[in-house]
Amino acid sequence: MYDKVILIGYGKIALENIKTINKYFKKKKIFISFEKDRFSLIDKIAKKSNFSIIKTKQKQDNERFLSSITGKVLIVSSNNNYLFPKKILNKKNMDIINFHNSYLPYYRGRNAQIWAIYNMEKFGGYTWHYISNSGLDAGPIIYRKKIRIFQNTTGIELTKRCMNGGSRAFEFFFKNILNSQNKKILPFKKFGKLYYSSEVPNNGMLNLKWSIKKISAFLRCMDFKPLNFFPNQYFYSKKKKYYISNYKILTTKPSKKKKFFLNNKIIIKEGIRKIFIYHGKKNN
């Protein structure tokens, strides 16, 4: 049994995890407020849920605080961008579990869900796993589930489905972890590409020579409207650079591939799809 539970993360899944932890764990609870939360007043909710709040600004602050923690501790990393250093991972009094928005072992690293859409996978998914020294997103798997990617699935839609499913899964297995009954159900086999935070699909450039399915996947994967997580997507036409301001995908009567270049948009038709790509300012 754990003496303390520490949560670090932000967004909807972290908020739901706070509620679950408060429901089932009655000892010391700590929330590390490390990242600015765009989705909720998570600090206030954590405080109402009997969490002590530790505010940190730098990675070194997190390391110093976690290094000072004694007793048996469970750390819950939900939607968290802080990478735990080996010094923390090697502490024998700590178990760390992490939420990842892909069906591991596929698509390790950052923004896994957008890469699954871009690569036109049939499924994305989410995983809860232990963090270990074996590599990034490479610890033993606790729970994972596939999520179907449809032809109209956007980045934000898949993200929301992963977060909602991950929240429900956490409540399902959390009690077993507290009672030391949870089994590490699947040893991790390292394969699948590792993506970094600096990477975006095709460096943000739309290739107009792609099939209409690939163009659709590119536009949808980085669509997080109304949030603007992936700005400045662009394409080239006649050696001029055009920035994409919006798009629309429609289903129409079957047709051969055609492109229409209009004043402020491109219309692409192929098969049963029609895509309107609106562009803004152009540079030579």
C-alpha atoms as a PDB file:
ATOM      1  CA  MET A   1       0.000   0.000   0.000  1.00  0.00           C
ATOM      2  CA  TYR A   2       1.222   3.493  -0.789  1.00  0.00           C
ATOM      3  CA  ASP A   3       1.804   6.272   1.714  1.00  0.00           C
ATOM      4  CA  LYS A   4       1.362   9.015  -0.889  1.00  0.00           C
ATOM      5  CA  VAL A   5      -0.039   9.498  -4.374  1.00  0.00           C
ATOM      6  CA  ILE A   6       1.428  12.275  -6.534  1.00  0.00           C
ATOM      7  CA  LEU A   7      -0.194  13.429  -9.762  1.00  0.00           C
ATOM      8  CA  ILE A   8       1.561  15.497 -12.415  1.00  0.00           C
ATOM      9  CA  GLY A   9      -0.181  16.502 -15.637  1.00  0.00           C
ATOM     10  CA  TYR A  10      -2.883  18.742 -17.059  1.00  0.00           C
ATOM     11  CA  GLY A  11      -6.087  18.727 -19.096  1.00  0.00           C
ATOM     12  CA  LYS A  12      -9.234  16.678 -18.857  1.00  0.00           C
ATOM     13  CA  ILE A  13      -7.655  13.330 -18.071  1.00  0.00           C
ATOM     14  CA  ALA A  14      -5.586  14.757 -15.204  1.00  0.00           C
ATOM     15  CA  LEU A  15      -8.726  16.401 -13.828  1.00  0.00           C
ATOM     16  CA  GLU A  16     -10.658  13.101 -13.944  1.00  0.00           C
ATOM     17  CA  ASN A  17      -7.708  11.246 -12.396  1.00  0.00           C
ATOM     18  CA  ILE A  18      -7.723  13.721  -9.492  1.00  0.00           C
ATOM     19  CA  LYS A  19     -11.370  12.870  -8.822  1.00  0.00           C
ATOM     20  CA  THR A  20     -10.678   9.123  -8.961  1.00  0.00           C
ATOM     21  CA  ILE A  21      -7.648   9.353  -6.664  1.00  0.00           C
ATOM     22  CA  ASN A  22      -9.631  11.384  -4.134  1.00  0.00           C
ATOM     23  CA  LYS A  23     -12.434   8.811  -4.267  1.00  0.00           C
ATOM     24  CA  TYR A  24     -10.277   5.801  -3.466  1.00  0.00           C
ATOM     25  CA  PHE A  25      -7.148   7.081  -1.715  1.00  0.00           C
ATOM     26  CA  LYS A  26      -7.479   8.696   1.710  1.00  0.00           C
ATOM     27  CA  LYS A  27      -3.847   9.314   2.618  1.00  0.00           C
ATOM     28  CA  LYS A  28      -1.484  12.085   1.485  1.00  0.00           C
ATOM     29  CA  LYS A  29      -2.225  13.385  -2.042  1.00  0.00           C
ATOM     30  CA  ILE A  30      -0.038  15.871  -3.937  1.00  0.00           C
ATOM     31  CA  PHE A  31      -0.616  17.651  -7.242  1.00  0.00           C
ATOM     32  CA  ILE A  32       2.447  19.048  -9.004  1.00  0.00           C
ATOM     33  CA  SER A  33       1.364  22.129 -10.956  1.00  0.00           C
ATOM     34  CA  PHE A  34       4.058  22.248 -13.617  1.00  0.00           C
ATOM     35  CA  GLU A  35       2.371  23.247 -16.893  1.00  0.00           C
ATOM     36  CA  LYS A  36      -0.123  25.946 -17.767  1.00  0.00           C
ATOM     37  CA  ASP A  37      -3.520  24.290 -18.137  1.00  0.00           C
ATOM     38  CA  ARG A  38      -5.620  25.540 -21.035  1.00  0.00           C
ATOM     39  CA  PHE A  39      -8.615  23.354 -20.257  1.00  0.00           C
ATOM     40  CA  SER A  40      -9.606  23.771 -16.630  1.00  0.00           C
ATOM     41  CA  LEU A  41      -8.906  25.366 -13.275  1.00  0.00           C
ATOM     42  CA  ILE A  42      -7.155  22.197 -12.262  1.00  0.00           C
ATOM     43  CA  ASP A  43      -5.265  23.674  -9.286  1.00  0.00           C
ATOM     44  CA  LYS A  44      -8.552  24.697  -7.654  1.00  0.00           C
ATOM     45  CA  ILE A  45     -10.157  21.309  -8.324  1.00  0.00           C
ATOM     46  CA  ALA A  46      -7.115  19.529  -6.895  1.00  0.00           C
ATOM     47  CA  LYS A  47      -7.243  21.669  -3.765  1.00  0.00           C
ATOM     48  CA  LYS A  48     -10.958  20.932  -3.333  1.00  0.00           C
ATOM     49  CA  SER A  49     -10.113  17.238  -3.701  1.00  0.00           C
ATOM     50  CA  ASN A  50      -7.749  17.394  -0.710  1.00  0.00           C
ATOM     51  CA  PHE A  51      -4.517  17.553  -2.710  1.00  0.00           C
ATOM     52  CA  SER A  52      -1.562  19.580  -1.544  1.00  0.00           C
ATOM     53  CA  ILE A  53      -0.416  21.821  -4.401  1.00  0.00           C
ATOM     54  CA  ILE A  54       3.256  22.050  -5.320  1.00  0.00           C
ATOM     55  CA  LYS A  55       3.938  24.694  -7.975  1.00  0.00           C
ATOM     56  CA  THR A  56       7.079  24.224 -10.040  1.00  0.00           C
ATOM     57  CA  LYS A  57       8.391  26.223 -13.000  1.00  0.00           C
ATOM     58  CA  GLN A  58      11.526  24.352 -14.035  1.00  0.00           C
ATOM     59  CA  LYS A  59      12.346  20.677 -14.539  1.00  0.00           C
ATOM     60  CA  GLN A  60      14.973  21.016 -11.828  1.00  0.00           C
ATOM     61  CA  ASP A  61      12.233  22.028  -9.362  1.00  0.00           C
ATOM     62  CA  ASN A  62      10.402  18.776 -10.064  1.00  0.00           C
ATOM     63  CA  GLU A  63      13.564  16.741  -9.636  1.00  0.00           C
ATOM     64  CA  ARG A  64      14.430  18.386  -6.330  1.00  0.00           C
ATOM     65  CA  PHE A  65      10.945  17.879  -4.943  1.00  0.00           C
ATOM     66  CA  LEU A  66      10.614  14.246  -6.066  1.00  0.00           C
ATOM     67  CA  SER A  67      14.097  13.466  -4.753  1.00  0.00           C
ATOM     68  CA  SER A  68      13.014  14.634  -1.296  1.00  0.00           C
ATOM     69  CA  ILE A  69       9.924  12.377  -1.102  1.00  0.00           C
ATOM     70  CA  THR A  70      10.113   9.499   1.362  1.00  0.00           C
ATOM     71  CA  GLY A  71       7.833   6.535   1.993  1.00  0.00           C
ATOM     72  CA  LYS A  72       6.139   4.329  -0.572  1.00  0.00           C
ATOM     73  CA  VAL A  73       4.866   6.583  -3.381  1.00  0.00           C
ATOM     74  CA  LEU A  74       2.757   6.158  -6.508  1.00  0.00           C
ATOM     75  CA  ILE A  75       3.261   8.847  -9.158  1.00  0.00           C
ATOM     76  CA  VAL A  76       0.529   9.259 -11.763  1.00  0.00           C
ATOM     77  CA  SER A  77       1.701  10.983 -14.930  1.00  0.00           C
ATOM     78  CA  SER A  78      -1.343  12.044 -16.963  1.00  0.00           C
ATOM     79  CA  ASN A  79      -0.949  14.102 -20.092  1.00  0.00           C
ATOM     80  CA  ASN A  80       2.391  15.173 -18.714  1.00  0.00           C
ATOM     81  CA  ASN A  81       5.330  16.548 -20.706  1.00  0.00           C
ATOM     82  CA  TYR A  82       7.897  16.253 -17.925  1.00  0.00           C
ATOM     83  CA  LEU A  83      10.394  13.453 -18.581  1.00  0.00           C
ATOM     84  CA  PHE A  84      11.465  11.794 -15.336  1.00  0.00           C
ATOM     85  CA  PRO A  85      15.282  11.623 -15.078  1.00  0.00           C
ATOM     86  CA  LYS A  86      17.051   8.381 -14.224  1.00  0.00           C
ATOM     87  CA  LYS A  87      17.732   9.677 -10.722  1.00  0.00           C
ATOM     88  CA  ILE A  88      13.970   9.593 -10.050  1.00  0.00           C
ATOM     89  CA  LEU A  89      13.270   6.406 -12.012  1.00  0.00           C
ATOM     90  CA  ASN A  90      15.883   4.592  -9.926  1.00  0.00           C
ATOM     91  CA  LYS A  91      14.255   5.463  -6.588  1.00  0.00           C
ATOM     92  CA  LYS A  92      13.033   2.173  -5.131  1.00  0.00           C
ATOM     93  CA  ASN A  93      10.279   3.782  -3.086  1.00  0.00           C
ATOM     94  CA  MET A  94       8.489   5.082  -6.199  1.00  0.00           C
ATOM     95  CA  ASP A  95       6.262   3.483  -8.814  1.00  0.00           C
ATOM     96  CA  ILE A  96       5.392   5.712 -11.781  1.00  0.00           C
ATOM     97  CA  ILE A  97       2.497   5.047 -14.147  1.00  0.00           C
ATOM     98  CA  ASN A  98       1.916   7.065 -17.295  1.00  0.00           C
ATOM     99  CA  PHE A  99      -0.938   7.736 -19.726  1.00  0.00           C
ATOM    100  CA  HIS A 100       0.022   7.659 -23.399  1.00  0.00           C
ATOM    101  CA  ASN A 101      -2.300   8.516 -26.275  1.00  0.00           C
ATOM    102  CA  SER A 102      -1.476   5.614 -28.564  1.00  0.00           C
ATOM    103  CA  TYR A 103      -1.861   1.855 -28.557  1.00  0.00           C
ATOM    104  CA  LEU A 104       1.631   0.929 -27.402  1.00  0.00           C
ATOM    105  CA  PRO A 105       4.091  -0.323 -28.480  1.00  0.00           C
ATOM    106  CA  TYR A 106       3.135   1.605 -31.631  1.00  0.00           C
ATOM    107  CA  TYR A 107       3.694   5.361 -31.869  1.00  0.00           C
ATOM    108  CA  ARG A 108       5.877   6.202 -28.909  1.00  0.00           C
ATOM    109  CA  GLY A 109       6.740   9.783 -27.999  1.00  0.00           C
ATOM    110  CA  ARG A 110       4.855  13.066 -28.438  1.00  0.00           C
ATOM    111  CA  ASN A 111       1.618  13.739 -30.321  1.00  0.00           C
ATOM    112  CA  ALA A 112       1.215  10.059 -31.135  1.00  0.00           C
ATOM    113  CA  GLN A 113      -2.443  10.432 -32.074  1.00  0.00           C
ATOM    114  CA  ILE A 114      -1.779  12.902 -34.907  1.00  0.00           C
ATOM    115  CA  TRP A 115       0.800  10.591 -36.459  1.00  0.00           C
ATOM    116  CA  ALA A 116      -1.670   7.707 -36.467  1.00  0.00           C
ATOM    117  CA  ILE A 117      -4.153   9.828 -38.447  1.00  0.00           C
ATOM    118  CA  TYR A 118      -1.456  11.178 -40.784  1.00  0.00           C
ATOM    119  CA  ASN A 119      -0.228   7.647 -41.539  1.00  0.00           C
ATOM    120  CA  MET A 120      -3.825   6.642 -42.330  1.00  0.00           C
ATOM    121  CA  GLU A 121      -3.965   3.949 -39.664  1.00  0.00           C
ATOM    122  CA  LYS A 122      -7.288   2.217 -39.072  1.00  0.00           C
ATOM    123  CA  PHE A 123      -6.820   2.469 -35.315  1.00  0.00           C
ATOM    124  CA  GLY A 124      -5.304   4.770 -32.731  1.00  0.00           C
ATOM    125  CA  GLY A 125      -5.665   4.119 -29.033  1.00  0.00           C
ATOM    126  CA  TYR A 126      -4.425   4.771 -25.533  1.00  0.00           C
ATOM    127  CA  THR A 127      -2.245   2.990 -22.995  1.00  0.00           C
ATOM    128  CA  TRP A 128      -1.474   3.130 -19.281  1.00  0.00           C
ATOM    129  CA  HIS A 129       1.978   1.765 -18.532  1.00  0.00           C
ATOM    130  CA  TYR A 130       4.723   1.805 -15.934  1.00  0.00           C
ATOM    131  CA  ILE A 131       7.635   4.150 -16.565  1.00  0.00           C
ATOM    132  CA  SER A 132      11.008   2.459 -16.408  1.00  0.00           C
ATOM    133  CA  ASN A 133      14.594   2.927 -17.523  1.00  0.00           C
ATOM    134  CA  SER A 134      13.964   0.725 -20.568  1.00  0.00           C
ATOM    135  CA  GLY A 135      13.130   3.727 -22.786  1.00  0.00           C
ATOM    136  CA  LEU A 136      10.525   6.378 -23.523  1.00  0.00           C
ATOM    137  CA  ASP A 137       6.989   4.938 -23.450  1.00  0.00           C
ATOM    138  CA  ALA A 138       8.537   1.511 -23.096  1.00  0.00           C
ATOM    139  CA  GLY A 139       7.551   0.250 -19.624  1.00  0.00           C
ATOM    140  CA  PRO A 140       5.309  -2.735 -18.840  1.00  0.00           C
ATOM    141  CA  ILE A 141       1.741  -2.171 -20.006  1.00  0.00           C
ATOM    142  CA  ILE A 142      -1.100  -2.004 -17.481  1.00  0.00           C
ATOM    143  CA  TYR A 143      -4.043  -1.329 -19.783  1.00  0.00           C
ATOM    144  CA  ARG A 144      -4.457  -0.458 -23.457  1.00  0.00           C
ATOM    145  CA  LYS A 145      -7.295  -0.156 -25.924  1.00  0.00           C
ATOM    146  CA  LYS A 146      -7.657   0.532 -29.638  1.00  0.00           C
ATOM    147  CA  ILE A 147      -9.834   3.377 -30.959  1.00  0.00           C
ATOM    148  CA  ARG A 148     -11.173   3.342 -34.508  1.00  0.00           C
ATOM    149  CA  ILE A 149     -10.001   6.142 -36.801  1.00  0.00           C
ATOM    150  CA  PHE A 150     -12.648   7.062 -39.362  1.00  0.00           C
ATOM    151  CA  GLN A 151     -12.283   8.982 -42.609  1.00  0.00           C
ATOM    152  CA  ASN A 152     -13.447  12.189 -40.902  1.00  0.00           C
ATOM    153  CA  THR A 153     -11.622  11.814 -37.557  1.00  0.00           C
ATOM    154  CA  THR A 154      -9.660  14.936 -36.586  1.00  0.00           C
ATOM    155  CA  GLY A 155      -6.750  15.289 -34.179  1.00  0.00           C
ATOM    156  CA  ILE A 156      -8.850  16.870 -31.454  1.00  0.00           C
ATOM    157  CA  GLU A 157     -11.613  14.267 -31.809  1.00  0.00           C
ATOM    158  CA  LEU A 158      -9.191  11.371 -31.424  1.00  0.00           C
ATOM    159  CA  THR A 159      -7.488  13.122 -28.503  1.00  0.00           C
ATOM    160  CA  LYS A 160     -10.812  13.561 -26.681  1.00  0.00           C
ATOM    161  CA  ARG A 161     -11.722   9.915 -27.208  1.00  0.00           C
ATOM    162  CA  CYS A 162      -8.320   8.826 -25.868  1.00  0.00           C
ATOM    163  CA  MET A 163      -8.680  11.082 -22.820  1.00  0.00           C
ATOM    164  CA  ASN A 164     -12.209   9.884 -22.052  1.00  0.00           C
ATOM    165  CA  GLY A 165     -11.275   6.233 -22.456  1.00  0.00           C
ATOM    166  CA  GLY A 166      -8.085   6.684 -20.451  1.00  0.00           C
ATOM    167  CA  SER A 167     -10.037   8.276 -17.589  1.00  0.00           C
ATOM    168  CA  ARG A 168     -12.455   5.342 -17.411  1.00  0.00           C
ATOM    169  CA  ALA A 169      -9.606   2.831 -17.602  1.00  0.00           C
ATOM    170  CA  PHE A 170      -7.764   4.546 -14.752  1.00  0.00           C
ATOM    171  CA  GLU A 171     -10.732   4.179 -12.435  1.00  0.00           C
ATOM    172  CA  PHE A 172     -11.028   0.525 -13.499  1.00  0.00           C
ATOM    173  CA  PHE A 173      -7.500  -0.483 -12.473  1.00  0.00           C
ATOM    174  CA  PHE A 174      -6.544   2.154  -9.865  1.00  0.00           C
ATOM    175  CA  LYS A 175      -8.027   0.282  -6.898  1.00  0.00           C
ATOM    176  CA  ASN A 176      -6.069  -2.848  -7.819  1.00  0.00           C
ATOM    177  CA  ILE A 177      -2.819  -0.890  -7.981  1.00  0.00           C
ATOM    178  CA  LEU A 178      -3.487   0.584  -4.528  1.00  0.00           C
ATOM    179  CA  ASN A 179      -4.048  -2.919  -3.137  1.00  0.00           C
ATOM    180  CA  SER A 180      -0.971  -4.309  -4.922  1.00  0.00           C
ATOM    181  CA  GLN A 181      -3.233  -6.642  -6.902  1.00  0.00           C
ATOM    182  CA  ASN A 182      -2.558  -5.228 -10.348  1.00  0.00           C
ATOM    183  CA  LYS A 183      -0.559  -7.421 -12.663  1.00  0.00           C
ATOM    184  CA  LYS A 184       1.854  -5.959 -15.188  1.00  0.00           C
ATOM    185  CA  ILE A 185      -0.102  -7.624 -17.913  1.00  0.00           C
ATOM    186  CA  LEU A 186       2.208  -7.180 -20.856  1.00  0.00           C
ATOM    187  CA  PRO A 187       5.983  -6.835 -21.023  1.00  0.00           C
ATOM    188  CA  PHE A 188       6.965  -4.164 -23.493  1.00  0.00           C
ATOM    189  CA  LYS A 189       8.597  -5.100 -26.774  1.00  0.00           C
ATOM    190  CA  LYS A 190      10.335  -2.066 -28.231  1.00  0.00           C
ATOM    191  CA  PHE A 191       9.297  -1.393 -31.774  1.00  0.00           C
ATOM    192  CA  GLY A 192       7.532   1.365 -33.620  1.00  0.00           C
ATOM    193  CA  LYS A 193       8.879   4.832 -34.340  1.00  0.00           C
ATOM    194  CA  LEU A 194       9.628   7.301 -31.568  1.00  0.00           C
ATOM    195  CA  TYR A 195       8.284  10.803 -32.308  1.00  0.00           C
ATOM    196  CA  TYR A 196       9.660  14.005 -30.778  1.00  0.00           C
ATOM    197  CA  SER A 197       7.887  17.226 -29.796  1.00  0.00           C
ATOM    198  CA  SER A 198       9.745  19.144 -32.504  1.00  0.00           C
ATOM    199  CA  GLU A 199       8.304  16.942 -35.268  1.00  0.00           C
ATOM    200  CA  VAL A 200       5.106  17.588 -37.226  1.00  0.00           C
ATOM    201  CA  PRO A 201       3.863  15.623 -40.234  1.00  0.00           C
ATOM    202  CA  ASN A 202       5.906  16.441 -43.349  1.00  0.00           C
ATOM    203  CA  ASN A 203       7.281  19.484 -41.496  1.00  0.00           C
ATOM    204  CA  GLY A 204       3.863  21.144 -41.828  1.00  0.00           C
ATOM    205  CA  MET A 205       3.915  21.126 -45.644  1.00  0.00           C
ATOM    206  CA  LEU A 206       0.966  19.854 -47.688  1.00  0.00           C
ATOM    207  CA  ASN A 207       1.998  18.190 -50.932  1.00  0.00           C
ATOM    208  CA  LEU A 208      -0.642  18.830 -53.587  1.00  0.00           C
ATOM    209  CA  LYS A 209       0.562  15.770 -55.517  1.00  0.00           C
ATOM    210  CA  TRP A 210      -0.617  13.455 -52.753  1.00  0.00           C
ATOM    211  CA  SER A 211      -3.787  11.410 -53.154  1.00  0.00           C
ATOM    212  CA  ILE A 212      -6.897  13.041 -51.790  1.00  0.00           C
ATOM    213  CA  LYS A 213      -6.919  10.504 -48.934  1.00  0.00           C
ATOM    214  CA  LYS A 214      -3.429  11.597 -47.881  1.00  0.00           C
ATOM    215  CA  ILE A 215      -4.334  15.287 -48.202  1.00  0.00           C
ATOM    216  CA  SER A 216      -7.374  14.643 -46.000  1.00  0.00           C
ATOM    217  CA  ALA A 217      -5.243  12.819 -43.418  1.00  0.00           C
ATOM    218  CA  PHE A 218      -2.710  15.676 -43.332  1.00  0.00           C
ATOM    219  CA  LEU A 219      -5.391  18.336 -42.800  1.00  0.00           C
ATOM    220  CA  ARG A 220      -7.319  16.358 -40.197  1.00  0.00           C
ATOM    221  CA  CYS A 221      -4.403  15.137 -38.111  1.00  0.00           C
ATOM    222  CA  MET A 222      -3.383  18.640 -36.990  1.00  0.00           C
ATOM    223  CA  ASP A 223      -6.948  19.960 -36.701  1.00  0.00           C
ATOM    224  CA  PHE A 224      -7.442  20.941 -33.057  1.00  0.00           C
ATOM    225  CA  LYS A 225      -9.956  23.735 -33.614  1.00  0.00           C
ATOM    226  CA  PRO A 226     -10.808  25.934 -31.793  1.00  0.00           C
ATOM    227  CA  LEU A 227      -7.298  25.506 -30.328  1.00  0.00           C
ATOM    228  CA  ASN A 228      -4.331  26.381 -32.510  1.00  0.00           C
ATOM    229  CA  PHE A 229      -1.745  23.791 -31.513  1.00  0.00           C
ATOM    230  CA  PHE A 230      -0.240  23.334 -34.984  1.00  0.00           C
ATOM    231  CA  PRO A 231      -0.199  26.673 -36.842  1.00  0.00           C
ATOM    232  CA  ASN A 232       1.465  27.621 -40.112  1.00  0.00           C
ATOM    233  CA  GLN A 233       0.666  24.624 -42.295  1.00  0.00           C
ATOM    234  CA  TYR A 234       1.400  25.514 -45.893  1.00  0.00           C
ATOM    235  CA  PHE A 235       1.769  24.366 -49.491  1.00  0.00           C
ATOM    236  CA  TYR A 236       3.627  25.517 -52.600  1.00  0.00           C
ATOM    237  CA  SER A 237       2.074  26.333 -55.941  1.00  0.00           C
ATOM    238  CA  LYS A 238       4.132  27.720 -58.835  1.00  0.00           C
ATOM    239  CA  LYS A 239       7.039  28.303 -56.424  1.00  0.00           C
ATOM    240  CA  LYS A 240       4.899  30.471 -54.147  1.00  0.00           C
ATOM    241  CA  LYS A 241       4.214  29.574 -50.543  1.00  0.00           C
ATOM    242  CA  TYR A 242       0.605  29.651 -49.317  1.00  0.00           C
ATOM    243  CA  TYR A 243      -0.457  29.303 -45.679  1.00  0.00           C
ATOM    244  CA  ILE A 244      -3.529  27.187 -44.993  1.00  0.00           C
ATOM    245  CA  SER A 245      -6.207  29.044 -43.041  1.00  0.00           C
ATOM    246  CA  ASN A 246      -9.004  26.452 -43.088  1.00  0.00           C
ATOM    247  CA  TYR A 247     -10.377  23.466 -44.955  1.00  0.00           C
ATOM    248  CA  LYS A 248     -13.603  21.599 -45.608  1.00  0.00           C
ATOM    249  CA  ILE A 249     -14.072  17.949 -46.651  1.00  0.00           C
ATOM    250  CA  LEU A 250     -17.268  16.866 -48.423  1.00  0.00           C
ATOM    251  CA  THR A 251     -18.652  13.660 -49.901  1.00  0.00           C
ATOM    252  CA  THR A 252     -19.787  13.996 -53.546  1.00  0.00           C
ATOM    253  CA  LYS A 253     -20.497  11.950 -56.634  1.00  0.00           C
ATOM    254  CA  PRO A 254     -17.534   9.839 -57.833  1.00  0.00           C
ATOM    255  CA  SER A 255     -15.119  11.675 -60.127  1.00  0.00           C
ATOM    256  CA  LYS A 256     -11.563  11.571 -61.450  1.00  0.00           C
ATOM    257  CA  LYS A 257      -8.915  13.679 -59.724  1.00  0.00           C
ATOM    258  CA  LYS A 258      -9.185  17.382 -60.522  1.00  0.00           C
ATOM    259  CA  LYS A 259      -7.759  20.546 -58.993  1.00  0.00           C
ATOM    260  CA  PHE A 260      -9.236  24.024 -59.243  1.00  0.00           C
ATOM    261  CA  PHE A 261      -7.140  27.018 -58.182  1.00  0.00           C
ATOM    262  CA  LEU A 262      -9.387  29.918 -57.239  1.00  0.00           C
ATOM    263  CA  ASN A 263      -8.664  33.296 -55.686  1.00  0.00           C
ATOM    264  CA  ASN A 264      -8.521  32.286 -52.022  1.00  0.00           C
ATOM    265  CA  LYS A 265      -8.937  28.524 -52.142  1.00  0.00           C
ATOM    266  CA  ILE A 266      -8.120  25.277 -53.911  1.00  0.00           C
ATOM    267  CA  ILE A 267     -10.790  22.699 -54.685  1.00  0.00           C
ATOM    268  CA  ILE A 268      -9.607  19.108 -55.061  1.00  0.00           C
ATOM    269  CA  LYS A 269     -11.932  16.346 -56.278  1.00  0.00           C
ATOM    270  CA  GLU A 270     -11.121  12.640 -56.384  1.00  0.00           C
ATOM    271  CA  GLY A 271     -13.352   9.608 -55.978  1.00  0.00           C
ATOM    272  CA  ILE A 272     -16.228  10.529 -53.672  1.00  0.00           C
ATOM    273  CA  ARG A 273     -14.298  13.270 -51.848  1.00  0.00           C
ATOM    274  CA  LYS A 274     -14.082  16.983 -52.411  1.00  0.00           C
ATOM    275  CA  ILE A 275     -11.735  19.152 -50.340  1.00  0.00           C
ATOM    276  CA  PHE A 276     -11.768  22.920 -50.094  1.00  0.00           C
ATOM    277  CA  ILE A 277      -8.422  24.296 -48.884  1.00  0.00           C
ATOM    278  CA  TYR A 278      -8.565  27.959 -47.936  1.00  0.00           C
ATOM    279  CA  HIS A 279      -5.296  29.862 -47.915  1.00  0.00           C
ATOM    280  CA  GLY A 280      -4.184  33.198 -46.599  1.00  0.00           C
ATOM    281  CA  LYS A 281      -1.190  35.381 -47.227  1.00  0.00           C
ATOM    282  CA  LYS A 282       1.274  34.188 -49.837  1.00  0.00           C
ATOM    283  CA  ASN A 283       5.019  34.809 -50.003  1.00  0.00           C
ATOM    284  CA  ASN A 284       7.374  34.599 -52.976  1.00  0.00           C
END
